N, C-alpha and C. Protein backbone atom coordinates (compact mmCIF):
# COMPACT_ATOMS: atom_id res chain seq x y z
N UNK A 1 98.64 70.99 104.85
CA UNK A 1 97.17 71.79 104.33
C UNK A 1 98.02 73.01 103.37
N UNK A 2 97.14 73.27 102.33
CA UNK A 2 97.56 74.18 101.15
C UNK A 2 97.54 75.76 101.78
N UNK A 3 98.07 76.49 101.58
CA UNK A 3 98.22 78.08 102.23
C UNK A 3 96.98 78.67 101.32
N UNK A 4 96.27 79.38 101.98
CA UNK A 4 95.27 80.15 101.47
C UNK A 4 95.72 81.54 101.23
N UNK A 5 95.30 82.26 100.39
CA UNK A 5 95.33 83.60 99.98
C UNK A 5 94.12 84.42 99.72
N UNK A 6 93.66 85.17 100.98
CA UNK A 6 92.58 86.00 100.91
C UNK A 6 92.80 87.31 101.07
N UNK A 7 92.07 88.08 100.28
CA UNK A 7 92.02 89.24 100.37
C UNK A 7 90.76 90.11 100.44
N UNK A 8 90.18 91.17 101.20
CA UNK A 8 89.15 91.70 101.05
C UNK A 8 88.93 92.66 100.08
N UNK A 9 88.10 92.87 99.29
CA UNK A 9 87.70 93.51 98.00
C UNK A 9 87.32 94.83 98.71
N UNK A 10 87.59 95.74 98.37
CA UNK A 10 87.25 97.13 99.01
C UNK A 10 86.87 98.55 97.82
N UNK A 11 87.09 97.69 96.45
CA UNK A 11 86.73 98.67 95.34
C UNK A 11 85.18 98.78 95.25
N UNK A 12 84.61 99.73 95.54
CA UNK A 12 83.10 100.07 95.73
C UNK A 12 82.27 99.43 94.45
N UNK A 13 82.87 99.79 93.20
CA UNK A 13 82.02 99.30 92.29
C UNK A 13 81.89 97.63 92.06
N UNK A 14 83.17 97.17 92.55
CA UNK A 14 83.19 95.75 92.55
C UNK A 14 82.47 95.08 93.82
N UNK A 15 82.38 95.75 95.03
CA UNK A 15 81.73 95.20 96.43
C UNK A 15 80.31 95.05 95.95
N UNK A 16 79.63 95.99 95.61
CA UNK A 16 78.34 95.88 95.20
C UNK A 16 77.82 94.69 94.40
N UNK A 17 78.74 94.78 93.13
CA UNK A 17 78.41 93.64 92.03
C UNK A 17 78.70 92.30 92.75
N UNK A 18 79.67 92.27 93.49
CA UNK A 18 79.84 90.77 93.96
C UNK A 18 78.87 90.34 95.02
N UNK A 19 78.55 91.36 96.05
CA UNK A 19 77.68 91.22 96.68
C UNK A 19 76.40 90.67 96.26
N UNK A 20 75.97 91.45 95.46
CA UNK A 20 74.48 91.10 94.78
C UNK A 20 74.48 89.78 94.07
N UNK A 21 75.38 89.32 93.40
CA UNK A 21 75.29 88.25 92.66
C UNK A 21 75.93 87.23 93.68
N UNK A 22 77.05 86.94 94.34
CA UNK A 22 77.36 86.05 94.88
C UNK A 22 77.03 85.63 96.51
N UNK A 23 76.58 86.57 97.27
CA UNK A 23 76.13 86.37 98.59
C UNK A 23 75.18 85.54 98.89
N UNK A 24 74.05 85.24 98.20
CA UNK A 24 73.48 83.83 98.38
C UNK A 24 73.79 82.59 98.35
N UNK A 25 75.15 82.31 97.63
CA UNK A 25 75.84 81.43 97.22
C UNK A 25 76.87 80.91 98.26
N UNK A 26 77.35 79.75 98.42
CA UNK A 26 78.17 79.23 99.20
C UNK A 26 79.43 79.98 99.17
N UNK A 27 80.27 79.95 100.41
CA UNK A 27 81.55 80.62 100.29
C UNK A 27 82.56 79.83 99.63
N UNK A 28 82.79 79.53 98.55
CA UNK A 28 83.76 78.93 97.79
C UNK A 28 84.22 79.70 96.49
N UNK A 29 85.13 79.00 95.69
CA UNK A 29 85.53 80.21 94.28
C UNK A 29 84.29 79.67 93.60
N UNK A 30 84.46 80.82 92.57
CA UNK A 30 83.28 80.89 91.55
C UNK A 30 83.93 81.33 90.03
N UNK A 31 83.32 80.71 89.33
CA UNK A 31 83.85 81.07 87.77
C UNK A 31 83.64 82.72 87.58
N UNK A 32 84.71 83.60 87.14
CA UNK A 32 84.49 84.76 86.74
C UNK A 32 83.16 84.99 86.18
N UNK A 33 82.50 84.37 85.22
CA UNK A 33 81.55 84.72 84.59
C UNK A 33 80.34 84.82 85.43
N UNK A 34 80.39 84.46 86.57
CA UNK A 34 79.11 84.79 87.56
C UNK A 34 79.08 86.08 87.91
N UNK A 35 80.05 86.98 87.83
CA UNK A 35 80.36 88.58 88.28
C UNK A 35 80.11 89.34 86.78
N UNK A 36 79.92 88.64 85.60
CA UNK A 36 80.08 89.26 84.35
C UNK A 36 81.12 89.71 83.84
N UNK A 37 82.00 88.73 83.79
CA UNK A 37 83.74 88.97 83.68
C UNK A 37 83.70 87.72 82.69
N UNK A 38 84.01 87.91 81.21
CA UNK A 38 84.04 86.84 80.26
C UNK A 38 85.37 86.22 80.41
N UNK A 39 85.47 84.84 80.18
CA UNK A 39 86.71 83.90 80.55
C UNK A 39 87.84 84.65 79.50
N UNK A 40 87.98 85.25 78.37
CA UNK A 40 88.96 85.71 77.79
C UNK A 40 89.50 87.10 78.09
N UNK A 41 88.66 87.70 79.29
CA UNK A 41 89.07 89.04 79.80
C UNK A 41 90.24 88.80 80.67
N UNK A 42 90.92 89.80 80.93
CA UNK A 42 92.28 89.73 81.57
C UNK A 42 91.90 90.84 82.71
N UNK A 43 92.18 90.20 84.21
CA UNK A 43 91.76 90.98 85.22
C UNK A 43 93.05 91.49 85.87
N UNK A 44 93.22 92.80 86.27
CA UNK A 44 94.02 93.39 87.01
C UNK A 44 93.85 93.85 88.55
N UNK A 45 94.57 93.19 89.30
CA UNK A 45 94.06 93.79 90.95
C UNK A 45 95.31 94.80 91.59
N UNK A 46 94.70 95.77 91.86
CA UNK A 46 95.44 96.54 92.77
C UNK A 46 95.67 96.13 94.39
N UNK A 47 96.47 95.58 94.70
CA UNK A 47 96.58 94.94 96.39
C UNK A 47 97.19 96.06 97.12
N UNK A 48 96.59 96.44 98.02
CA UNK A 48 97.23 96.98 99.30
C UNK A 48 97.40 96.41 100.59
N UNK A 49 98.12 96.97 101.31
CA UNK A 49 98.60 96.14 102.65
C UNK A 49 97.90 97.14 103.57
N UNK A 50 96.72 96.77 104.35
CA UNK A 50 96.17 97.49 105.55
C UNK A 50 97.29 97.85 106.52
N UNK A 51 96.85 98.84 107.59
CA UNK A 51 97.50 98.79 108.75
C UNK A 51 97.21 97.82 109.60
N UNK A 52 98.61 97.52 110.56
CA UNK A 52 98.18 96.56 111.37
C UNK A 52 97.16 96.80 112.26
N UNK A 53 96.17 95.77 112.58
CA UNK A 53 94.91 95.81 113.30
C UNK A 53 94.78 94.42 114.15
N UNK A 54 94.92 94.68 115.39
CA UNK A 54 95.04 93.37 116.39
C UNK A 54 96.24 92.46 116.07
N UNK A 55 97.47 93.29 115.73
CA UNK A 55 98.46 92.25 115.45
C UNK A 55 98.57 91.79 114.21
N UNK A 56 97.78 92.07 113.01
CA UNK A 56 97.59 91.49 111.74
C UNK A 56 97.57 92.57 111.00
N UNK A 57 98.24 92.09 109.65
CA UNK A 57 98.05 93.08 108.33
C UNK A 57 97.22 92.27 107.37
N UNK A 58 96.16 93.28 106.72
CA UNK A 58 95.24 92.38 105.68
C UNK A 58 95.51 92.98 104.58
N UNK A 59 95.45 91.88 103.58
CA UNK A 59 95.72 92.20 102.05
C UNK A 59 94.21 92.87 101.65
N UNK A 60 94.12 93.65 100.80
CA UNK A 60 93.07 94.58 100.49
C UNK A 60 93.12 94.70 98.84
N UNK A 61 91.94 93.98 98.24
CA UNK A 61 91.85 94.81 96.87
C UNK A 61 91.15 95.65 96.58
N UNK A 62 92.21 96.95 96.28
CA UNK A 62 91.59 98.02 96.48
C UNK A 62 90.95 98.63 94.91
N UNK A 63 91.32 97.89 93.96
CA UNK A 63 90.88 98.24 92.36
C UNK A 63 90.91 96.78 91.79
N UNK A 64 89.79 96.83 91.06
CA UNK A 64 89.81 95.47 90.12
C UNK A 64 89.46 96.17 88.78
N UNK A 65 90.56 96.24 87.93
CA UNK A 65 90.64 96.49 86.12
C UNK A 65 90.26 95.30 85.38
N UNK A 66 89.14 95.25 84.53
CA UNK A 66 88.93 94.45 83.84
C UNK A 66 89.15 94.66 82.29
N UNK A 67 90.32 94.14 81.74
CA UNK A 67 90.89 94.85 80.49
C UNK A 67 89.94 94.25 79.19
N UNK A 68 89.72 94.89 78.44
CA UNK A 68 88.77 94.68 77.20
C UNK A 68 89.19 93.42 76.64
N UNK A 69 88.19 92.73 76.33
CA UNK A 69 88.61 91.46 75.37
C UNK A 69 89.13 91.80 73.92
N UNK A 70 90.31 90.99 73.84
CA UNK A 70 90.88 91.33 72.76
C UNK A 70 89.86 90.98 71.39
N UNK A 71 90.08 91.79 70.40
CA UNK A 71 89.33 91.60 69.26
C UNK A 71 89.38 90.56 68.67
N UNK A 72 90.61 89.71 68.43
CA UNK A 72 90.84 88.14 67.91
C UNK A 72 89.91 87.14 68.91
N UNK A 73 89.83 87.26 69.97
CA UNK A 73 88.96 86.50 70.65
C UNK A 73 87.76 86.64 70.67
N UNK A 74 87.22 87.61 69.83
CA UNK A 74 85.53 87.78 69.85
C UNK A 74 85.11 87.69 68.53
N UNK A 75 86.24 87.72 67.50
CA UNK A 75 85.67 87.57 65.92
C UNK A 75 86.86 86.99 65.28
N UNK A 76 86.78 86.39 63.99
CA UNK A 76 87.74 85.94 63.45
C UNK A 76 88.32 86.81 62.47
N UNK A 77 89.69 86.92 62.36
CA UNK A 77 90.27 88.03 61.64
C UNK A 77 90.17 87.51 59.86
N UNK A 78 89.78 88.13 59.19
CA UNK A 78 89.80 88.18 57.86
C UNK A 78 90.91 88.65 57.16
N UNK A 79 91.19 88.35 55.88
CA UNK A 79 92.43 88.36 55.05
C UNK A 79 91.94 89.90 54.58
N UNK A 80 92.54 91.04 54.26
CA UNK A 80 92.30 92.18 53.49
C UNK A 80 91.76 91.82 52.20
N UNK A 81 90.77 92.56 51.71
CA UNK A 81 90.50 92.50 50.45
C UNK A 81 91.05 93.15 49.47
N UNK A 82 91.30 92.61 48.10
CA UNK A 82 92.08 93.50 47.26
C UNK A 82 91.34 94.13 46.23
């Protein structure tokens, strides 16, 4: 069996967005474009470890930061004019 890595998202800005877009869908992995993040974007997660609850500690996604898409990913680079 493959190990699973689940974490609860607690970032309020993202929980609202994710619930609104993905709640009606099946609970499986979905492409990031479904929540408005382009494939070219880099995503950073701040992971926290919650306090013990009933003998278990839970991983929490405390913040999600989407880095801006690099300029070279959105338009072609042109040589400078002389």
